Amino acid sequence: MATADITVRGAGIFGLSIAWTCVQRGARVQVVDPNGPAAGASGGIVGALAPHVPENWNPKKQFQLESLLMAKAFWAEVAKVGGHAPGYVRSGRVQPVADARALELAKGRRAGAAALWDGHASWTVRPIENSPWGLHSGTGFEVFDTLSAHVHPRQACTALVAALAAHSVAVVAEAPDQGIILHATGVAGLEALNASHTRMVGAGIKGQAVLLDHAAPNAPQLFVDGLHIIPHADGTTAIGSTTERDFDTATGTDAQLDAILDQARDLVPVLRDAPVRARWAGVRPRSRSRAPMLGPWPDRPGHMIANGGFKIGFGMAPKVAEVMADLMLDGHNAIPPGFEVAASL
């Protein structure tokens, strides 16, 4: 290919999304990953795109809101160009309300959603009636928000690879650096930063999830007792995930996954007899601040970092791609101060 304007190292959700946005703006891009697309945490099976609670607002929550609102158009264009469906569905999310205190909090958040979401979505407290999940709650009520959406992570990455290929950009195992170098290398990138700094920059947090053979493509996603239950468009339902700071193997599943599967089946009656389609485990990159790390790599001119997606990488990806493309192609820095790489070093 001709000399690249941007070299993206890492073909997970951040790397692929940023490459795609740069290509759409006319940049010459190469994507390099020796392990191939979505080889790490981006190859998962859950894919919840869920908002923060609409209260105690801060720049991270605003950034995520803007990204969630961008998602429909972002994924529609990816699907149109590449011809592969990312599994994007904005069908909302339900959360059973367990007790009187939780009910009071839920009702109080309606006003916050109305103000902070600016009419783009709603937060409703309503009786649980004819739940597609067979749900009950201690109060008989549930929260339903219309902002939550989901993708199938593996399919979303495949869709991005196909859209890039339609612009003659392939993911290659190795290539020399050209142009601006973007490091979107996930856990390996955090480990490299840790090795060169006196304090921990970030760490890998393992998660395990399970995919069931249960079709509920028109149902809203469910968040109950800390579990995300996602009805994918392909007729499967994902359950996740564990949060493991200490682990012996990055990709092995164990009794901790069995425990959340049992929990989900106890809570959600329609899942009790659903066969297991797949079990998954991977390590997700979490920065010390828990916010994404974006922007110039201090003391390395011409090098950029996009890392720390952790559990919200897919939800943040459209906005992350926008601000990184703004920075690398136009020199315009719209990265929130708390997201800047220097804040985590």
Protein backbone atom coordinates (compact mmCIF):
# COMPACT_ATOMS: atom_id res chain seq x y z
CA MET A 1 0.00 0.00 0.00
CA ALA A 2 1.01 3.65 -0.22
CA THR A 3 2.67 5.21 2.78
CA ALA A 4 0.19 5.21 5.66
CA ASP A 5 -0.88 8.33 7.50
CA ILE A 6 -1.83 6.20 10.52
CA THR A 7 -0.52 2.86 11.76
CA VAL A 8 -2.93 1.24 14.19
CA ARG A 9 -1.32 -1.40 16.36
CA GLY A 10 -4.06 -3.57 17.84
CA ALA A 11 -7.17 -4.95 16.16
CA GLY A 12 -9.57 -4.93 19.09
CA ILE A 13 -12.61 -2.70 19.32
CA PHE A 14 -10.67 0.53 19.93
CA GLY A 15 -8.11 -0.09 17.19
CA LEU A 16 -10.65 -1.19 14.58
CA SER A 17 -13.11 1.61 15.37
CA ILE A 18 -10.44 4.30 15.21
CA ALA A 19 -9.05 2.85 11.96
CA TRP A 20 -12.56 2.84 10.47
CA THR A 21 -13.27 6.44 11.41
CA CYS A 22 -9.91 7.58 10.04
CA VAL A 23 -10.54 5.74 6.77
CA GLN A 24 -13.96 7.36 6.46
CA ARG A 25 -12.25 10.74 6.70
CA GLY A 26 -9.91 9.87 3.86
CA ALA A 27 -6.80 8.82 5.77
CA ARG A 28 -4.47 6.07 4.60
CA VAL A 29 -4.44 3.50 7.40
CA GLN A 30 -2.76 0.21 8.16
CA VAL A 31 -3.87 -2.08 11.00
CA VAL A 32 -1.31 -4.41 12.54
CA ASP A 33 -2.00 -7.20 15.02
CA PRO A 34 0.10 -10.38 15.18
CA ASN A 35 -2.81 -12.23 16.80
CA GLY A 36 -5.47 -11.14 14.33
CA PRO A 37 -8.73 -9.24 14.89
CA ALA A 38 -10.55 -9.48 18.22
CA ALA A 39 -8.03 -11.95 19.61
CA GLY A 40 -8.31 -10.58 23.14
CA ALA A 41 -11.16 -9.19 25.21
CA SER A 42 -12.91 -7.81 22.10
CA GLY A 43 -13.67 -11.36 21.02
CA GLY A 44 -16.22 -11.80 23.80
CA ILE A 45 -19.89 -12.71 23.69
CA VAL A 46 -21.80 -10.26 25.94
CA GLY A 47 -21.68 -6.76 24.42
CA ALA A 48 -23.91 -4.71 26.73
CA LEU A 49 -23.99 -1.02 25.76
CA ALA A 50 -25.53 0.28 28.96
CA PRO A 51 -25.49 3.81 30.38
CA HIS A 52 -24.29 4.96 33.74
CA VAL A 53 -26.93 5.83 36.33
CA PRO A 54 -28.28 9.33 35.52
CA GLU A 55 -26.97 11.10 38.61
CA ASN A 56 -23.66 12.52 39.94
CA TRP A 57 -22.87 13.52 36.37
CA ASN A 58 -19.26 13.83 35.23
CA PRO A 59 -17.27 14.02 31.97
CA LYS A 60 -16.94 10.22 31.74
CA LYS A 61 -20.71 9.76 31.91
CA GLN A 62 -21.29 12.53 29.37
CA PHE A 63 -18.73 11.02 27.00
CA GLN A 64 -20.39 7.63 27.26
CA LEU A 65 -23.85 9.14 26.69
CA GLU A 66 -22.66 10.83 23.51
CA SER A 67 -21.09 7.58 22.35
CA LEU A 68 -24.24 5.55 23.00
CA LEU A 69 -26.25 8.08 21.00
CA MET A 70 -23.77 7.80 18.12
CA ALA A 71 -23.88 4.01 18.08
CA LYS A 72 -26.90 3.41 15.84
CA ALA A 73 -25.54 5.45 12.93
CA PHE A 74 -21.99 4.18 13.52
CA TRP A 75 -22.92 0.51 13.33
CA ALA A 76 -25.42 1.00 10.51
CA GLU A 77 -22.70 2.49 8.31
CA VAL A 78 -20.27 -0.29 9.22
CA ALA A 79 -22.89 -2.89 8.25
CA LYS A 80 -23.78 -1.08 5.02
CA VAL A 81 -20.20 -0.80 3.79
CA GLY A 82 -18.90 -4.17 4.88
CA GLY A 83 -22.02 -6.28 4.44
CA HIS A 84 -21.73 -7.92 7.88
CA ALA A 85 -24.19 -7.36 10.73
CA PRO A 86 -22.60 -6.29 14.05
CA GLY A 87 -25.62 -7.45 16.03
CA TYR A 88 -26.48 -3.92 17.13
CA VAL A 89 -29.93 -3.65 18.76
CA ARG A 90 -31.27 -0.78 20.84
CA SER A 91 -34.13 -2.52 22.61
CA GLY A 92 -33.60 -1.00 26.05
CA ARG A 93 -32.90 -2.63 29.39
CA VAL A 94 -34.96 -3.79 32.34
CA GLN A 95 -33.80 -3.94 35.97
CA PRO A 96 -36.04 -5.52 38.61
CA VAL A 97 -36.48 -3.31 41.70
CA ALA A 98 -35.83 -5.42 44.78
CA ASP A 99 -37.03 -3.35 47.74
CA ALA A 100 -38.59 -0.08 48.88
CA ARG A 101 -35.25 1.73 49.14
CA ALA A 102 -34.29 0.71 45.60
CA LEU A 103 -37.73 1.78 44.39
CA GLU A 104 -37.29 5.24 45.91
CA LEU A 105 -33.89 5.61 44.23
CA ALA A 106 -35.24 4.41 40.89
CA LYS A 107 -38.09 6.91 40.95
CA GLY A 108 -35.70 9.70 41.89
CA ARG A 109 -33.53 8.95 38.86
CA ARG A 110 -36.37 9.60 36.41
CA ALA A 111 -35.84 13.35 36.70
CA GLY A 112 -32.09 12.94 36.30
CA ALA A 113 -32.55 10.97 33.10
CA ALA A 114 -35.03 13.50 31.75
CA ALA A 115 -32.56 16.35 32.32
CA LEU A 116 -29.24 14.66 31.58
CA TRP A 117 -30.32 12.55 28.61
CA ASP A 118 -31.98 15.63 27.11
CA GLY A 119 -34.97 13.79 25.67
CA HIS A 120 -32.88 11.28 23.70
CA ALA A 121 -34.00 8.40 25.94
CA SER A 122 -36.18 7.75 28.96
CA TRP A 123 -35.95 6.07 32.36
CA THR A 124 -39.27 4.59 33.47
CA VAL A 125 -40.32 2.83 36.66
CA ARG A 126 -43.17 0.49 35.83
CA PRO A 127 -44.95 -2.63 37.13
CA ILE A 128 -43.53 -5.93 35.94
CA GLU A 129 -46.23 -7.32 33.68
CA ASN A 130 -45.91 -10.10 31.10
CA SER A 131 -42.13 -10.05 31.34
CA PRO A 132 -40.49 -11.94 28.45
CA TRP A 133 -37.95 -13.11 31.03
CA GLY A 134 -40.60 -14.42 33.45
CA LEU A 135 -39.38 -11.93 36.05
CA HIS A 136 -40.64 -11.03 39.48
CA SER A 137 -39.25 -8.55 41.99
CA GLY A 138 -39.66 -7.76 45.66
CA THR A 139 -41.63 -4.61 44.81
CA GLY A 140 -43.41 -5.77 41.68
CA PHE A 141 -41.66 -2.97 39.75
CA GLU A 142 -38.85 -2.71 37.24
CA VAL A 143 -36.79 0.07 35.69
CA PHE A 144 -36.89 0.28 31.91
CA ASP A 145 -34.54 2.59 30.05
CA THR A 146 -34.58 3.17 26.31
CA LEU A 147 -30.91 4.20 26.03
CA SER A 148 -29.35 0.75 26.53
CA ALA A 149 -28.38 -1.26 23.48
CA HIS A 150 -26.13 -4.20 22.69
CA VAL A 151 -23.88 -5.66 20.02
CA HIS A 152 -22.41 -9.10 19.57
CA PRO A 153 -18.71 -8.33 20.18
CA ARG A 154 -17.24 -10.90 17.82
CA GLN A 155 -19.70 -10.03 15.07
CA ALA A 156 -19.10 -6.32 15.59
CA CYS A 157 -15.34 -6.76 15.12
CA THR A 158 -15.94 -8.95 12.06
CA ALA A 159 -18.18 -6.22 10.66
CA LEU A 160 -15.48 -3.59 11.19
CA VAL A 161 -12.85 -5.78 9.51
CA ALA A 162 -15.18 -6.22 6.52
CA ALA A 163 -15.90 -2.49 6.31
CA LEU A 164 -12.17 -1.74 6.38
CA ALA A 165 -11.56 -4.39 3.71
CA ALA A 166 -14.11 -2.64 1.49
CA HIS A 167 -11.68 0.30 1.61
CA SER A 168 -8.70 -1.99 0.87
CA VAL A 169 -7.47 -1.97 4.47
CA ALA A 170 -6.54 -5.40 5.81
CA VAL A 171 -5.46 -6.46 9.29
CA VAL A 172 -1.91 -7.73 8.89
CA ALA A 173 0.33 -9.65 11.29
CA GLU A 174 3.29 -7.29 10.92
CA ALA A 175 4.30 -4.16 9.08
CA PRO A 176 6.76 -1.31 9.67
CA ASP A 177 5.45 1.77 11.43
CA GLN A 178 4.38 4.58 9.15
CA GLY A 179 2.86 7.95 9.97
CA ILE A 180 1.33 8.47 13.38
CA ILE A 181 1.46 5.30 15.47
CA LEU A 182 -1.61 4.44 17.53
CA HIS A 183 -1.15 1.82 20.23
CA ALA A 184 -4.49 0.13 20.95
CA THR A 185 -2.94 -3.00 22.37
CA GLY A 186 -5.13 -3.75 25.39
CA VAL A 187 -3.70 -5.70 28.30
CA ALA A 188 -0.29 -6.15 26.65
CA GLY A 189 -0.06 -2.39 26.25
CA LEU A 190 -0.90 -1.78 29.90
CA GLU A 191 1.71 -4.31 30.98
CA ALA A 192 4.34 -2.54 28.86
CA LEU A 193 3.41 0.79 30.45
CA ASN A 194 3.56 -0.74 33.93
CA ALA A 195 7.07 -2.03 33.25
CA SER A 196 8.33 1.44 32.39
CA HIS A 197 6.70 3.38 35.24
CA THR A 198 7.06 3.40 38.98
CA ARG A 199 3.36 2.99 39.70
CA MET A 200 0.74 0.76 38.13
CA VAL A 201 -0.85 2.30 35.06
CA GLY A 202 -3.46 -0.39 34.62
CA ALA A 203 -4.15 -4.09 34.87
CA GLY A 204 -5.95 -6.94 33.19
CA ILE A 205 -9.20 -8.05 34.83
CA LYS A 206 -10.49 -11.44 33.80
CA GLY A 207 -14.11 -12.02 32.93
CA GLN A 208 -16.00 -15.20 32.14
CA ALA A 209 -19.29 -15.40 30.25
CA VAL A 210 -21.60 -18.03 28.84
CA LEU A 211 -23.77 -18.17 25.71
CA LEU A 212 -27.07 -20.03 25.85
CA ASP A 213 -29.21 -21.46 23.08
CA HIS A 214 -32.21 -19.28 23.92
CA ALA A 215 -33.87 -16.97 21.40
CA ALA A 216 -35.44 -13.71 22.64
CA PRO A 217 -34.36 -11.22 19.94
CA ASN A 218 -37.17 -8.76 20.66
CA ALA A 219 -36.76 -8.73 24.44
CA PRO A 220 -34.93 -5.92 26.23
CA GLN A 221 -31.64 -6.79 27.82
CA LEU A 222 -31.73 -7.53 31.52
CA PHE A 223 -29.53 -6.40 34.40
CA VAL A 224 -30.24 -8.28 37.60
CA ASP A 225 -28.09 -8.96 40.68
CA GLY A 226 -24.98 -7.76 38.88
CA LEU A 227 -25.50 -9.93 35.79
CA HIS A 228 -25.92 -8.71 32.23
CA ILE A 229 -28.28 -10.94 30.26
CA ILE A 230 -28.19 -10.09 26.56
CA PRO A 231 -30.62 -11.53 23.96
CA HIS A 232 -28.60 -11.45 20.74
CA ALA A 233 -30.19 -11.08 17.33
CA ASP A 234 -28.79 -14.46 16.23
CA GLY A 235 -31.05 -16.40 18.64
CA THR A 236 -28.60 -16.76 21.50
CA THR A 237 -28.55 -15.22 24.97
CA ALA A 238 -25.33 -14.20 26.71
CA ILE A 239 -24.75 -14.04 30.46
CA GLY A 240 -21.81 -12.26 32.02
CA SER A 241 -19.62 -11.73 33.66
CA THR A 242 -17.22 -12.49 36.45
CA THR A 243 -14.66 -9.93 37.65
CA GLU A 244 -11.38 -11.61 38.57
CA ARG A 245 -8.25 -9.76 39.59
CA ASP A 246 -6.35 -12.94 40.40
CA PHE A 247 -6.39 -15.88 38.00
CA ASP A 248 -4.16 -18.69 36.78
CA THR A 249 -5.23 -18.81 33.16
CA ALA A 250 -6.43 -16.00 30.93
CA THR A 251 -8.82 -17.96 28.76
CA GLY A 252 -9.89 -20.94 30.86
CA THR A 253 -13.38 -21.19 32.37
CA ASP A 254 -14.10 -22.72 35.74
CA ALA A 255 -16.54 -23.01 38.63
CA GLN A 256 -16.92 -19.23 38.83
CA LEU A 257 -18.70 -19.32 35.48
CA ASP A 258 -20.82 -22.25 36.63
CA ALA A 259 -21.86 -20.11 39.61
CA ILE A 260 -23.11 -17.17 37.53
CA LEU A 261 -24.91 -19.55 35.18
CA ASP A 262 -26.68 -21.13 38.14
CA GLN A 263 -27.46 -17.66 39.49
CA ALA A 264 -28.98 -16.57 36.18
CA ARG A 265 -31.08 -19.69 35.89
CA ASP A 266 -32.41 -19.19 39.41
CA LEU A 267 -33.30 -15.56 38.70
CA VAL A 268 -34.66 -15.89 35.16
CA PRO A 269 -37.15 -18.74 34.76
CA VAL A 270 -37.05 -18.95 30.96
CA LEU A 271 -33.31 -19.73 31.02
CA ARG A 272 -33.51 -22.75 33.30
CA ASP A 273 -33.51 -25.36 30.55
CA ALA A 274 -31.57 -23.45 27.87
CA PRO A 275 -28.57 -25.45 26.61
CA VAL A 276 -25.09 -23.95 26.79
CA ARG A 277 -23.83 -22.96 23.36
CA ALA A 278 -20.39 -21.65 24.37
CA ARG A 279 -18.24 -20.67 27.35
CA TRP A 280 -15.81 -17.77 27.11
CA ALA A 281 -13.10 -16.16 29.18
CA GLY A 282 -10.75 -13.26 28.50
CA VAL A 283 -8.78 -10.50 30.18
CA ARG A 284 -10.02 -6.94 29.82
CA PRO A 285 -7.75 -3.87 30.07
CA ARG A 286 -8.63 -1.57 32.97
CA SER A 287 -6.70 1.64 33.54
CA ARG A 288 -5.91 2.79 37.05
CA SER A 289 -8.51 5.57 36.74
CA ARG A 290 -11.10 3.15 35.24
CA ALA A 291 -11.57 5.66 32.39
CA PRO A 292 -10.20 5.04 28.90
CA MET A 293 -6.63 6.23 28.31
CA LEU A 294 -6.58 8.38 25.17
CA GLY A 295 -4.18 10.71 23.46
CA PRO A 296 -0.47 11.38 22.98
CA TRP A 297 2.06 9.07 24.60
CA PRO A 298 4.18 11.41 26.73
CA ASP A 299 7.84 11.60 25.68
CA ARG A 300 7.17 9.61 22.49
CA PRO A 301 6.45 12.10 19.70
CA GLY A 302 4.23 10.73 16.97
CA HIS A 303 2.84 7.94 19.17
CA MET A 304 -0.71 7.78 20.54
CA ILE A 305 -2.51 5.47 22.96
CA ALA A 306 -6.11 4.25 23.09
CA ASN A 307 -6.51 1.72 25.88
CA GLY A 308 -8.46 0.87 29.02
CA GLY A 309 -11.84 0.01 27.55
CA PHE A 310 -12.47 -2.57 30.30
CA LYS A 311 -16.22 -3.33 30.44
CA ILE A 312 -17.38 -0.30 28.45
CA GLY A 313 -15.09 -0.43 25.43
CA PHE A 314 -17.81 -1.24 22.90
CA GLY A 315 -20.09 1.43 24.32
CA MET A 316 -17.33 4.03 24.24
CA ALA A 317 -15.93 3.03 20.83
CA PRO A 318 -17.82 5.43 18.49
CA LYS A 319 -16.90 8.49 20.55
CA VAL A 320 -13.34 7.26 21.22
CA ALA A 321 -12.89 6.82 17.47
CA GLU A 322 -14.20 10.32 16.81
CA VAL A 323 -11.94 12.13 19.28
CA MET A 324 -8.86 10.13 18.31
CA ALA A 325 -9.46 10.82 14.61
CA ASP A 326 -9.95 14.51 15.45
CA LEU A 327 -6.60 14.52 17.24
CA MET A 328 -4.54 12.51 14.77
CA LEU A 329 -5.94 13.95 11.54
CA ASP A 330 -6.91 17.51 12.47
CA GLY A 331 -4.84 18.26 15.56
CA HIS A 332 -8.02 18.99 17.50
CA ASN A 333 -7.91 17.66 21.07
CA ALA A 334 -11.41 17.04 22.48
CA ILE A 335 -10.33 14.34 24.94
CA PRO A 336 -11.70 14.91 28.46
CA PRO A 337 -8.86 15.73 30.90
CA GLY A 338 -9.54 12.63 33.00
CA PHE A 339 -9.05 10.42 29.92
CA GLU A 340 -5.65 11.79 28.95
CA VAL A 341 -2.79 9.28 29.06
CA ALA A 342 -0.70 11.52 31.27
CA ALA A 343 -3.39 11.35 33.98
CA SER A 344 -2.71 7.63 34.41
CA LEU A 345 1.09 7.67 34.28
